[in-house]
Amino acid sequence: MINRSTQRKYRQIHDKYPKNQPTVADIVNHIDYMVKVMGIDHVGIGSHLDRGDGVLGMNDVSEMPNITKELIERRYPDQDLQKIWGGNLMRVFSEVQKVAREI
């Protein structure tokens, strides 16, 4: 949990540099980069779901579909969307459980 002092500092920085506010497109640019570097099977999304952390178009969890919309506009196929939105995480968790049973 972020304390009030940190929140206050964040607001001061945001107020001082409002044009530097990241967008959903910036988030997806980062996803594009990760896919290029490590491959689609190793990319997933995690988020603080109680606030958007200053990302335009991501003020709270209700706007998470904006990421999917941007990914679709960039022609990510459905199977890749499923991997990014939890499929990769579930695959890794399944493997972890399998290894745990073996040891």
PDB file of N, CA and C in Angstrom:
ATOM      1  N   MET A   1       0.841  -1.178   0.000  1.00  0.00           N
ATOM      2  CA  MET A   1       0.000   0.000   0.000  1.00  0.00           C
ATOM      3  C   MET A   1       0.889   1.245   0.000  1.00  0.00           C
ATOM      4  N   ILE A   2       0.549   2.189  -0.798  1.00  0.00           N
ATOM      5  CA  ILE A   2       1.314   3.436  -0.878  1.00  0.00           C
ATOM      6  C   ILE A   2       0.833   4.379   0.217  1.00  0.00           C
ATOM      7  N   ASN A   3       1.801   4.936   0.946  1.00  0.00           N
ATOM      8  CA  ASN A   3       1.410   5.849   2.030  1.00  0.00           C
ATOM      9  C   ASN A   3       1.064   7.236   1.488  1.00  0.00           C
ATOM     10  N   ARG A   4       0.495   8.052   2.347  1.00  0.00           N
ATOM     11  CA  ARG A   4       0.021   9.381   1.924  1.00  0.00           C
ATOM     12  C   ARG A   4       1.160  10.278   1.442  1.00  0.00           C
ATOM     13  N   SER A   5       2.315  10.176   2.058  1.00  0.00           N
ATOM     14  CA  SER A   5       3.454  10.998   1.652  1.00  0.00           C
ATOM     15  C   SER A   5       3.856  10.669   0.210  1.00  0.00           C
ATOM     16  N   THR A   6       3.903   9.389  -0.111  1.00  0.00           N
ATOM     17  CA  THR A   6       4.249   8.973  -1.469  1.00  0.00           C
ATOM     18  C   THR A   6       3.188   9.428  -2.455  1.00  0.00           C
ATOM     19  N   GLN A   7       1.919   9.311  -2.086  1.00  0.00           N
ATOM     20  CA  GLN A   7       0.834   9.773  -2.949  1.00  0.00           C
ATOM     21  C   GLN A   7       0.950  11.278  -3.211  1.00  0.00           C
ATOM     22  N   ARG A   8       1.269  12.025  -2.183  1.00  0.00           N
ATOM     23  CA  ARG A   8       1.408  13.474  -2.309  1.00  0.00           C
ATOM     24  C   ARG A   8       2.559  13.803  -3.270  1.00  0.00           C
ATOM     25  N   LYS A   9       3.676  13.109  -3.130  1.00  0.00           N
ATOM     26  CA  LYS A   9       4.814  13.339  -4.017  1.00  0.00           C
ATOM     27  C   LYS A   9       4.459  12.988  -5.460  1.00  0.00           C
ATOM     28  N   TYR A  10       3.733  11.905  -5.630  1.00  0.00           N
ATOM     29  CA  TYR A  10       3.310  11.516  -6.969  1.00  0.00           C
ATOM     30  C   TYR A  10       2.459  12.615  -7.596  1.00  0.00           C
ATOM     31  N   ARG A  11       1.499  13.127  -6.840  1.00  0.00           N
ATOM     32  CA  ARG A  11       0.633  14.195  -7.362  1.00  0.00           C
ATOM     33  C   ARG A  11       1.444  15.438  -7.725  1.00  0.00           C
ATOM     34  N   GLN A  12       2.442  15.773  -6.916  1.00  0.00           N
ATOM     35  CA  GLN A  12       3.275  16.939  -7.207  1.00  0.00           C
ATOM     36  C   GLN A  12       4.027  16.748  -8.528  1.00  0.00           C
ATOM     37  N   ILE A  13       4.577  15.558  -8.738  1.00  0.00           N
ATOM     38  CA  ILE A  13       5.290  15.278  -9.990  1.00  0.00           C
ATOM     39  C   ILE A  13       4.319  15.328 -11.161  1.00  0.00           C
ATOM     40  N   HIS A  14       3.151  14.715 -10.987  1.00  0.00           N
ATOM     41  CA  HIS A  14       2.150  14.718 -12.054  1.00  0.00           C
ATOM     42  C   HIS A  14       1.714  16.137 -12.402  1.00  0.00           C
ATOM     43  N   ASP A  15       1.493  16.959 -11.387  1.00  0.00           N
ATOM     44  CA  ASP A  15       1.080  18.342 -11.629  1.00  0.00           C
ATOM     45  C   ASP A  15       2.177  19.139 -12.334  1.00  0.00           C
ATOM     46  N   LYS A  16       3.436  18.836 -12.001  1.00  0.00           N
ATOM     47  CA  LYS A  16       4.556  19.552 -12.596  1.00  0.00           C
ATOM     48  C   LYS A  16       4.798  19.113 -14.047  1.00  0.00           C
ATOM     49  N   TYR A  17       4.560  17.836 -14.341  1.00  0.00           N
ATOM     50  CA  TYR A  17       4.838  17.283 -15.675  1.00  0.00           C
ATOM     51  C   TYR A  17       3.597  16.589 -16.259  1.00  0.00           C
ATOM     52  N   PRO A  18       2.504  17.287 -16.444  1.00  0.00           N
ATOM     53  CA  PRO A  18       1.272  16.622 -16.901  1.00  0.00           C
ATOM     54  C   PRO A  18       1.356  16.045 -18.311  1.00  0.00           C
ATOM     55  N   LYS A  19       2.178  16.621 -19.155  1.00  0.00           N
ATOM     56  CA  LYS A  19       2.264  16.129 -20.534  1.00  0.00           C
ATOM     57  C   LYS A  19       3.048  14.833 -20.622  1.00  0.00           C
ATOM     58  N   ASN A  20       3.736  14.463 -19.574  1.00  0.00           N
ATOM     59  CA  ASN A  20       4.498  13.230 -19.565  1.00  0.00           C
ATOM     60  C   ASN A  20       3.680  12.057 -19.043  1.00  0.00           C
ATOM     61  N   GLN A  21       2.386  12.260 -18.912  1.00  0.00           N
ATOM     62  CA  GLN A  21       1.526  11.209 -18.396  1.00  0.00           C
ATOM     63  C   GLN A  21       1.450  10.065 -19.411  1.00  0.00           C
ATOM     64  N   PRO A  22       1.739   8.840 -18.971  1.00  0.00           N
ATOM     65  CA  PRO A  22       1.693   7.707 -19.895  1.00  0.00           C
ATOM     66  C   PRO A  22       0.262   7.395 -20.328  1.00  0.00           C
ATOM     67  N   THR A  23       0.150   6.699 -21.434  1.00  0.00           N
ATOM     68  CA  THR A  23      -1.141   6.329 -21.994  1.00  0.00           C
ATOM     69  C   THR A  23      -1.225   4.811 -22.136  1.00  0.00           C
ATOM     70  N   VAL A  24      -2.414   4.337 -22.479  1.00  0.00           N
ATOM     71  CA  VAL A  24      -2.597   2.914 -22.762  1.00  0.00           C
ATOM     72  C   VAL A  24      -1.678   2.509 -23.914  1.00  0.00           C
ATOM     73  N   ALA A  25      -1.511   3.374 -24.904  1.00  0.00           N
ATOM     74  CA  ALA A  25      -0.604   3.069 -26.020  1.00  0.00           C
ATOM     75  C   ALA A  25       0.817   2.841 -25.511  1.00  0.00           C
ATOM     76  N   ASP A  26       1.240   3.594 -24.498  1.00  0.00           N
ATOM     77  CA  ASP A  26       2.573   3.388 -23.922  1.00  0.00           C
ATOM     78  C   ASP A  26       2.679   2.019 -23.253  1.00  0.00           C
ATOM     79  N   ILE A  27       1.613   1.612 -22.575  1.00  0.00           N
ATOM     80  CA  ILE A  27       1.601   0.287 -21.956  1.00  0.00           C
ATOM     81  C   ILE A  27       1.765  -0.782 -23.038  1.00  0.00           C
ATOM     82  N   VAL A  28       1.007  -0.651 -24.111  1.00  0.00           N
ATOM     83  CA  VAL A  28       1.063  -1.653 -25.167  1.00  0.00           C
ATOM     84  C   VAL A  28       2.383  -1.569 -25.931  1.00  0.00           C
ATOM     85  N   ASN A  29       2.980  -0.396 -26.025  1.00  0.00           N
ATOM     86  CA  ASN A  29       4.339  -0.313 -26.599  1.00  0.00           C
ATOM     87  C   ASN A  29       5.292  -1.182 -25.790  1.00  0.00           C
ATOM     88  N   HIS A  30       5.139  -1.148 -24.481  1.00  0.00           N
ATOM     89  CA  HIS A  30       5.999  -1.965 -23.613  1.00  0.00           C
ATOM     90  C   HIS A  30       5.713  -3.454 -23.824  1.00  0.00           C
ATOM     91  N   ILE A  31       4.443  -3.808 -23.966  1.00  0.00           N
ATOM     92  CA  ILE A  31       4.090  -5.197 -24.247  1.00  0.00           C
ATOM     93  C   ILE A  31       4.704  -5.621 -25.572  1.00  0.00           C
ATOM     94  N   ASP A  32       4.586  -4.780 -26.594  1.00  0.00           N
ATOM     95  CA  ASP A  32       5.205  -5.078 -27.899  1.00  0.00           C
ATOM     96  C   ASP A  32       6.697  -5.363 -27.736  1.00  0.00           C
ATOM     97  N   TYR A  33       7.357  -4.529 -26.955  1.00  0.00           N
ATOM     98  CA  TYR A  33       8.798  -4.696 -26.745  1.00  0.00           C
ATOM     99  C   TYR A  33       9.101  -6.019 -26.048  1.00  0.00           C
ATOM    100  N   MET A  34       8.327  -6.330 -25.011  1.00  0.00           N
ATOM    101  CA  MET A  34       8.555  -7.592 -24.289  1.00  0.00           C
ATOM    102  C   MET A  34       8.335  -8.790 -25.203  1.00  0.00           C
ATOM    103  N   VAL A  35       7.294  -8.743 -26.027  1.00  0.00           N
ATOM    104  CA  VAL A  35       7.033  -9.833 -26.965  1.00  0.00           C
ATOM    105  C   VAL A  35       8.207  -9.978 -27.930  1.00  0.00           C
ATOM    106  N   LYS A  36       8.741  -8.862 -28.407  1.00  0.00           N
ATOM    107  CA  LYS A  36       9.881  -8.893 -29.328  1.00  0.00           C
ATOM    108  C   LYS A  36      11.119  -9.490 -28.657  1.00  0.00           C
ATOM    109  N   VAL A  37      11.356  -9.120 -27.402  1.00  0.00           N
ATOM    110  CA  VAL A  37      12.570  -9.558 -26.709  1.00  0.00           C
ATOM    111  C   VAL A  37      12.481 -11.003 -26.235  1.00  0.00           C
ATOM    112  N   MET A  38      11.329 -11.381 -25.630  1.00  0.00           N
ATOM    113  CA  MET A  38      11.284 -12.703 -25.000  1.00  0.00           C
ATOM    114  C   MET A  38      10.225 -13.643 -25.542  1.00  0.00           C
ATOM    115  N   GLY A  39       9.378 -13.151 -26.412  1.00  0.00           N
ATOM    116  CA  GLY A  39       8.368 -14.021 -27.008  1.00  0.00           C
ATOM    117  C   GLY A  39       7.045 -13.975 -26.261  1.00  0.00           C
ATOM    118  N   ILE A  40       5.972 -14.217 -26.994  1.00  0.00           N
ATOM    119  CA  ILE A  40       4.619 -14.099 -26.462  1.00  0.00           C
ATOM    120  C   ILE A  40       4.350 -15.063 -25.303  1.00  0.00           C
ATOM    121  N   ASP A  41       5.056 -16.185 -25.258  1.00  0.00           N
ATOM    122  CA  ASP A  41       4.811 -17.168 -24.198  1.00  0.00           C
ATOM    123  C   ASP A  41       5.360 -16.752 -22.841  1.00  0.00           C
ATOM    124  N   HIS A  42       5.983 -15.595 -22.770  1.00  0.00           N
ATOM    125  CA  HIS A  42       6.596 -15.141 -21.518  1.00  0.00           C
ATOM    126  C   HIS A  42       6.115 -13.753 -21.106  1.00  0.00           C
ATOM    127  N   VAL A  43       4.983 -13.322 -21.621  1.00  0.00           N
ATOM    128  CA  VAL A  43       4.463 -11.987 -21.340  1.00  0.00           C
ATOM    129  C   VAL A  43       3.111 -12.107 -20.650  1.00  0.00           C
ATOM    130  N   GLY A  44       2.928 -11.295 -19.615  1.00  0.00           N
ATOM    131  CA  GLY A  44       1.648 -11.248 -18.918  1.00  0.00           C
ATOM    132  C   GLY A  44       1.428  -9.869 -18.343  1.00  0.00           C
ATOM    133  N   ILE A  45       0.197  -9.608 -17.960  1.00  0.00           N
ATOM    134  CA  ILE A  45      -0.163  -8.304 -17.416  1.00  0.00           C
ATOM    135  C   ILE A  45      -0.487  -8.439 -15.943  1.00  0.00           C
ATOM    136  N   GLY A  46       0.065  -7.532 -15.162  1.00  0.00           N
ATOM    137  CA  GLY A  46      -0.288  -7.401 -13.759  1.00  0.00           C
ATOM    138  C   GLY A  46      -0.574  -5.936 -13.501  1.00  0.00           C
ATOM    139  N   SER A  47      -1.388  -5.649 -12.509  1.00  0.00           N
ATOM    140  CA  SER A  47      -1.745  -4.259 -12.286  1.00  0.00           C
ATOM    141  C   SER A  47      -2.159  -4.033 -10.851  1.00  0.00           C
ATOM    142  N   HIS A  48      -2.018  -2.798 -10.425  1.00  0.00           N
ATOM    143  CA  HIS A  48      -2.643  -2.340  -9.200  1.00  0.00           C
ATOM    144  C   HIS A  48      -4.083  -2.060  -9.603  1.00  0.00           C
ATOM    145  N   LEU A  49      -5.002  -2.804  -9.073  1.00  0.00           N
ATOM    146  CA  LEU A  49      -6.374  -2.681  -9.544  1.00  0.00           C
ATOM    147  C   LEU A  49      -7.171  -1.617  -8.805  1.00  0.00           C
ATOM    148  N   ASP A  50      -6.552  -0.937  -7.855  1.00  0.00           N
ATOM    149  CA  ASP A  50      -7.286   0.075  -7.092  1.00  0.00           C
ATOM    150  C   ASP A  50      -7.077   1.481  -7.620  1.00  0.00           C
ATOM    151  N   ARG A  51      -6.189   1.616  -8.607  1.00  0.00           N
ATOM    152  CA  ARG A  51      -5.961   2.940  -9.183  1.00  0.00           C
ATOM    153  C   ARG A  51      -5.206   2.762 -10.494  1.00  0.00           C
ATOM    154  N   GLY A  52      -5.250   3.764 -11.333  1.00  0.00           N
ATOM    155  CA  GLY A  52      -4.596   3.669 -12.626  1.00  0.00           C
ATOM    156  C   GLY A  52      -3.163   4.142 -12.627  1.00  0.00           C
ATOM    157  N   ASP A  53      -2.678   4.623 -11.511  1.00  0.00           N
ATOM    158  CA  ASP A  53      -1.302   5.106 -11.394  1.00  0.00           C
ATOM    159  C   ASP A  53      -0.970   6.179 -12.423  1.00  0.00           C
ATOM    160  N   GLY A  54      -1.965   6.973 -12.815  1.00  0.00           N
ATOM    161  CA  GLY A  54      -1.716   8.107 -13.682  1.00  0.00           C
ATOM    162  C   GLY A  54      -1.674   7.804 -15.154  1.00  0.00           C
ATOM    163  N   VAL A  55      -2.079   6.618 -15.555  1.00  0.00           N
ATOM    164  CA  VAL A  55      -2.083   6.265 -16.972  1.00  0.00           C
ATOM    165  C   VAL A  55      -3.391   6.748 -17.598  1.00  0.00           C
ATOM    166  N   LEU A  56      -3.278   7.582 -18.638  1.00  0.00           N
ATOM    167  CA  LEU A  56      -4.476   8.048 -19.333  1.00  0.00           C
ATOM    168  C   LEU A  56      -5.190   6.867 -19.970  1.00  0.00           C
ATOM    169  N   GLY A  57      -6.471   6.750 -19.703  1.00  0.00           N
ATOM    170  CA  GLY A  57      -7.245   5.630 -20.224  1.00  0.00           C
ATOM    171  C   GLY A  57      -7.224   4.417 -19.334  1.00  0.00           C
ATOM    172  N   MET A  58      -6.587   4.537 -18.160  1.00  0.00           N
ATOM    173  CA  MET A  58      -6.503   3.434 -17.191  1.00  0.00           C
ATOM    174  C   MET A  58      -6.660   3.993 -15.784  1.00  0.00           C
ATOM    175  N   ASN A  59      -7.759   4.670 -15.541  1.00  0.00           N
ATOM    176  CA  ASN A  59      -7.978   5.287 -14.236  1.00  0.00           C
ATOM    177  C   ASN A  59      -8.318   4.285 -13.149  1.00  0.00           C
ATOM    178  N   ASP A  60      -8.894   3.158 -13.533  1.00  0.00           N
ATOM    179  CA  ASP A  60      -9.208   2.099 -12.576  1.00  0.00           C
ATOM    180  C   ASP A  60      -9.453   0.810 -13.345  1.00  0.00           C
ATOM    181  N   VAL A  61      -9.789  -0.251 -12.624  1.00  0.00           N
ATOM    182  CA  VAL A  61      -9.942  -1.572 -13.231  1.00  0.00           C
ATOM    183  C   VAL A  61     -11.017  -1.597 -14.312  1.00  0.00           C
ATOM    184  N   SER A  62     -11.993  -0.717 -14.248  1.00  0.00           N
ATOM    185  CA  SER A  62     -13.053  -0.704 -15.255  1.00  0.00           C
ATOM    186  C   SER A  62     -12.518  -0.353 -16.643  1.00  0.00           C
ATOM    187  N   GLU A  63     -11.331   0.234 -16.708  1.00  0.00           N
ATOM    188  CA  GLU A  63     -10.751   0.627 -17.999  1.00  0.00           C
ATOM    189  C   GLU A  63      -9.689  -0.353 -18.501  1.00  0.00           C
ATOM    190  N   MET A  64      -9.508  -1.476 -17.814  1.00  0.00           N
ATOM    191  CA  MET A  64      -8.549  -2.480 -18.272  1.00  0.00           C
ATOM    192  C   MET A  64      -8.858  -2.956 -19.704  1.00  0.00           C
ATOM    193  N   PRO A  65     -10.140  -3.029 -20.115  1.00  0.00           N
ATOM    194  CA  PRO A  65     -10.407  -3.429 -21.505  1.00  0.00           C
ATOM    195  C   PRO A  65      -9.755  -2.517 -22.543  1.00  0.00           C
ATOM    196  N   ASN A  66      -9.364  -1.313 -22.155  1.00  0.00           N
ATOM    197  CA  ASN A  66      -8.679  -0.430 -23.098  1.00  0.00           C
ATOM    198  C   ASN A  66      -7.360  -1.029 -23.573  1.00  0.00           C
ATOM    199  N   ILE A  67      -6.726  -1.814 -22.704  1.00  0.00           N
ATOM    200  CA  ILE A  67      -5.485  -2.485 -23.112  1.00  0.00           C
ATOM    201  C   ILE A  67      -5.807  -3.519 -24.189  1.00  0.00           C
ATOM    202  N   THR A  68      -6.851  -4.296 -23.959  1.00  0.00           N
ATOM    203  CA  THR A  68      -7.250  -5.302 -24.950  1.00  0.00           C
ATOM    204  C   THR A  68      -7.613  -4.635 -26.265  1.00  0.00           C
ATOM    205  N   LYS A  69      -8.342  -3.543 -26.203  1.00  0.00           N
ATOM    206  CA  LYS A  69      -8.720  -2.823 -27.421  1.00  0.00           C
ATOM    207  C   LYS A  69      -7.476  -2.405 -28.207  1.00  0.00           C
ATOM    208  N   GLU A  70      -6.489  -1.874 -27.507  1.00  0.00           N
ATOM    209  CA  GLU A  70      -5.248  -1.445 -28.172  1.00  0.00           C
ATOM    210  C   GLU A  70      -4.506  -2.645 -28.755  1.00  0.00           C
ATOM    211  N   LEU A  71      -4.471  -3.756 -28.030  1.00  0.00           N
ATOM    212  CA  LEU A  71      -3.817  -4.965 -28.542  1.00  0.00           C
ATOM    213  C   LEU A  71      -4.521  -5.469 -29.806  1.00  0.00           C
ATOM    214  N   ILE A  72      -5.844  -5.436 -29.804  1.00  0.00           N
ATOM    215  CA  ILE A  72      -6.615  -5.863 -30.981  1.00  0.00           C
ATOM    216  C   ILE A  72      -6.331  -4.938 -32.159  1.00  0.00           C
ATOM    217  N   GLU A  73      -6.282  -3.629 -31.892  1.00  0.00           N
ATOM    218  CA  GLU A  73      -5.975  -2.677 -32.966  1.00  0.00           C
ATOM    219  C   GLU A  73      -4.590  -2.931 -33.561  1.00  0.00           C
ATOM    220  N   ARG A  74      -3.700  -3.501 -32.750  1.00  0.00           N
ATOM    221  CA  ARG A  74      -2.353  -3.827 -33.241  1.00  0.00           C
ATOM    222  C   ARG A  74      -2.291  -5.241 -33.808  1.00  0.00           C
ATOM    223  N   ARG A  75      -3.447  -5.838 -33.977  1.00  0.00           N
ATOM    224  CA  ARG A  75      -3.592  -7.134 -34.630  1.00  0.00           C
ATOM    225  C   ARG A  75      -3.023  -8.311 -33.848  1.00  0.00           C
ATOM    226  N   TYR A  76      -3.061  -8.247 -32.518  1.00  0.00           N
ATOM    227  CA  TYR A  76      -2.706  -9.421 -31.725  1.00  0.00           C
ATOM    228  C   TYR A  76      -3.823 -10.447 -31.899  1.00  0.00           C
ATOM    229  N   PRO A  77      -3.484 -11.692 -32.233  1.00  0.00           N
ATOM    230  CA  PRO A  77      -4.524 -12.710 -32.383  1.00  0.00           C
ATOM    231  C   PRO A  77      -5.122 -13.109 -31.027  1.00  0.00           C
ATOM    232  N   ASP A  78      -6.327 -13.685 -31.070  1.00  0.00           N
ATOM    233  CA  ASP A  78      -7.027 -14.082 -29.842  1.00  0.00           C
ATOM    234  C   ASP A  78      -6.164 -14.962 -28.949  1.00  0.00           C
ATOM    235  N   GLN A  79      -5.442 -15.913 -29.530  1.00  0.00           N
ATOM    236  CA  GLN A  79      -4.625 -16.819 -28.715  1.00  0.00           C
ATOM    237  C   GLN A  79      -3.538 -16.052 -27.954  1.00  0.00           C
ATOM    238  N   ASP A  80      -2.998 -15.005 -28.553  1.00  0.00           N
ATOM    239  CA  ASP A  80      -1.992 -14.196 -27.860  1.00  0.00           C
ATOM    240  C   ASP A  80      -2.626 -13.361 -26.753  1.00  0.00           C
ATOM    241  N   LEU A  81      -3.833 -12.840 -27.010  1.00  0.00           N
ATOM    242  CA  LEU A  81      -4.550 -12.099 -25.962  1.00  0.00           C
ATOM    243  C   LEU A  81      -4.794 -12.997 -24.755  1.00  0.00           C
ATOM    244  N   GLN A  82      -5.180 -14.234 -25.007  1.00  0.00           N
ATOM    245  CA  GLN A  82      -5.420 -15.167 -23.913  1.00  0.00           C
ATOM    246  C   GLN A  82      -4.145 -15.433 -23.127  1.00  0.00           C
ATOM    247  N   LYS A  83      -3.032 -15.550 -23.811  1.00  0.00           N
ATOM    248  CA  LYS A  83      -1.751 -15.766 -23.130  1.00  0.00           C
ATOM    249  C   LYS A  83      -1.393 -14.569 -22.257  1.00  0.00           C
ATOM    250  N   ILE A  84      -1.511 -13.375 -22.819  1.00  0.00           N
ATOM    251  CA  ILE A  84      -1.152 -12.154 -22.099  1.00  0.00           C
ATOM    252  C   ILE A  84      -2.038 -11.948 -20.874  1.00  0.00           C
ATOM    253  N   TRP A  85      -3.339 -12.225 -21.009  1.00  0.00           N
ATOM    254  CA  TRP A  85      -4.308 -11.955 -19.944  1.00  0.00           C
ATOM    255  C   TRP A  85      -4.479 -13.123 -18.976  1.00  0.00           C
ATOM    256  N   GLY A  86      -3.485 -13.964 -18.827  1.00  0.00           N
ATOM    257  CA  GLY A  86      -3.554 -14.983 -17.785  1.00  0.00           C
ATOM    258  C   GLY A  86      -3.162 -16.376 -18.222  1.00  0.00           C
ATOM    259  N   GLY A  87      -3.221 -16.649 -19.513  1.00  0.00           N
ATOM    260  CA  GLY A  87      -2.869 -17.985 -19.986  1.00  0.00           C
ATOM    261  C   GLY A  87      -1.439 -18.367 -19.656  1.00  0.00           C
ATOM    262  N   ASN A  88      -0.515 -17.445 -19.855  1.00  0.00           N
ATOM    263  CA  ASN A  88       0.885 -17.731 -19.526  1.00  0.00           C
ATOM    264  C   ASN A  88       1.063 -17.951 -18.033  1.00  0.00           C
ATOM    265  N   LEU A  89       0.425 -17.132 -17.231  1.00  0.00           N
ATOM    266  CA  LEU A  89       0.497 -17.282 -15.776  1.00  0.00           C
ATOM    267  C   LEU A  89      -0.039 -18.645 -15.345  1.00  0.00           C
ATOM    268  N   MET A  90      -1.181 -19.023 -15.876  1.00  0.00           N
ATOM    269  CA  MET A  90      -1.769 -20.310 -15.502  1.00  0.00           C
ATOM    270  C   MET A  90      -0.893 -21.473 -15.959  1.00  0.00           C
ATOM    271  N   ARG A  91      -0.275 -21.365 -17.127  1.00  0.00           N
ATOM    272  CA  ARG A  91       0.627 -22.406 -17.606  1.00  0.00           C
ATOM    273  C   ARG A  91       1.813 -22.575 -16.653  1.00  0.00           C
ATOM    274  N   VAL A  92       2.384 -21.457 -16.223  1.00  0.00           N
ATOM    275  CA  VAL A  92       3.525 -21.515 -15.303  1.00  0.00           C
ATOM    276  C   VAL A  92       3.097 -22.082 -13.952  1.00  0.00           C
ATOM    277  N   PHE A  93       1.953 -21.639 -13.440  1.00  0.00           N
ATOM    278  CA  PHE A  93       1.461 -22.171 -12.166  1.00  0.00           C
ATOM    279  C   PHE A  93       1.233 -23.681 -12.251  1.00  0.00           C
ATOM    280  N   SER A  94       0.694 -24.148 -13.364  1.00  0.00           N
ATOM    281  CA  SER A  94       0.474 -25.589 -13.539  1.00  0.00           C
ATOM    282  C   SER A  94       1.800 -26.341 -13.500  1.00  0.00           C
ATOM    283  N   GLU A  95       2.794 -25.792 -14.156  1.00  0.00           N
ATOM    284  CA  GLU A  95       4.118 -26.420 -14.151  1.00  0.00           C
ATOM    285  C   GLU A  95       4.717 -26.423 -12.747  1.00  0.00           C
ATOM    286  N   VAL A  96       4.549 -25.345 -12.019  1.00  0.00           N
ATOM    287  CA  VAL A  96       5.051 -25.257 -10.646  1.00  0.00           C
ATOM    288  C   VAL A  96       4.374 -26.339  -9.791  1.00  0.00           C
ATOM    289  N   GLN A  97       3.069 -26.479  -9.933  1.00  0.00           N
ATOM    290  CA  GLN A  97       2.347 -27.497  -9.158  1.00  0.00           C
ATOM    291  C   GLN A  97       2.839 -28.902  -9.520  1.00  0.00           C
ATOM    292  N   LYS A  98       3.086 -29.138 -10.793  1.00  0.00           N
ATOM    293  CA  LYS A  98       3.578 -30.432 -11.241  1.00  0.00           C
ATOM    294  C   LYS A  98       4.936 -30.726 -10.600  1.00  0.00           C
ATOM    295  N   VAL A  99       5.834 -29.771 -10.627  1.00  0.00           N
ATOM    296  CA  VAL A  99       7.156 -29.947 -10.031  1.00  0.00           C
ATOM    297  C   VAL A  99       7.039 -30.144  -8.523  1.00  0.00           C
ATOM    298  N   ALA A 100       6.151 -29.376  -7.883  1.00  0.00           N
ATOM    299  CA  ALA A 100       5.961 -29.515  -6.435  1.00  0.00           C
ATOM    300  C   ALA A 100       5.499 -30.922  -6.074  1.00  0.00           C
ATOM    301  N   ARG A 101       4.617 -31.504  -6.879  1.00  0.00           N
ATOM    302  CA  ARG A 101       4.146 -32.868  -6.601  1.00  0.00           C
ATOM    303  C   ARG A 101       5.288 -33.871  -6.770  1.00  0.00           C
ATOM    304  N   GLU A 102       6.160 -33.603  -7.728  1.00  0.00           N
ATOM    305  CA  GLU A 102       7.279 -34.522  -7.996  1.00  0.00           C
ATOM    306  C   GLU A 102       8.328 -34.505  -6.889  1.00  0.00           C
ATOM    307  N   ILE A 103       8.490 -33.349  -6.265  1.00  0.00           N
ATOM    308  CA  ILE A 103       9.515 -33.286  -5.209  1.00  0.00           C
ATOM    309  C   ILE A 103       8.869 -33.486  -3.855  1.00  0.00           C
TER     310      ILE A 103
END
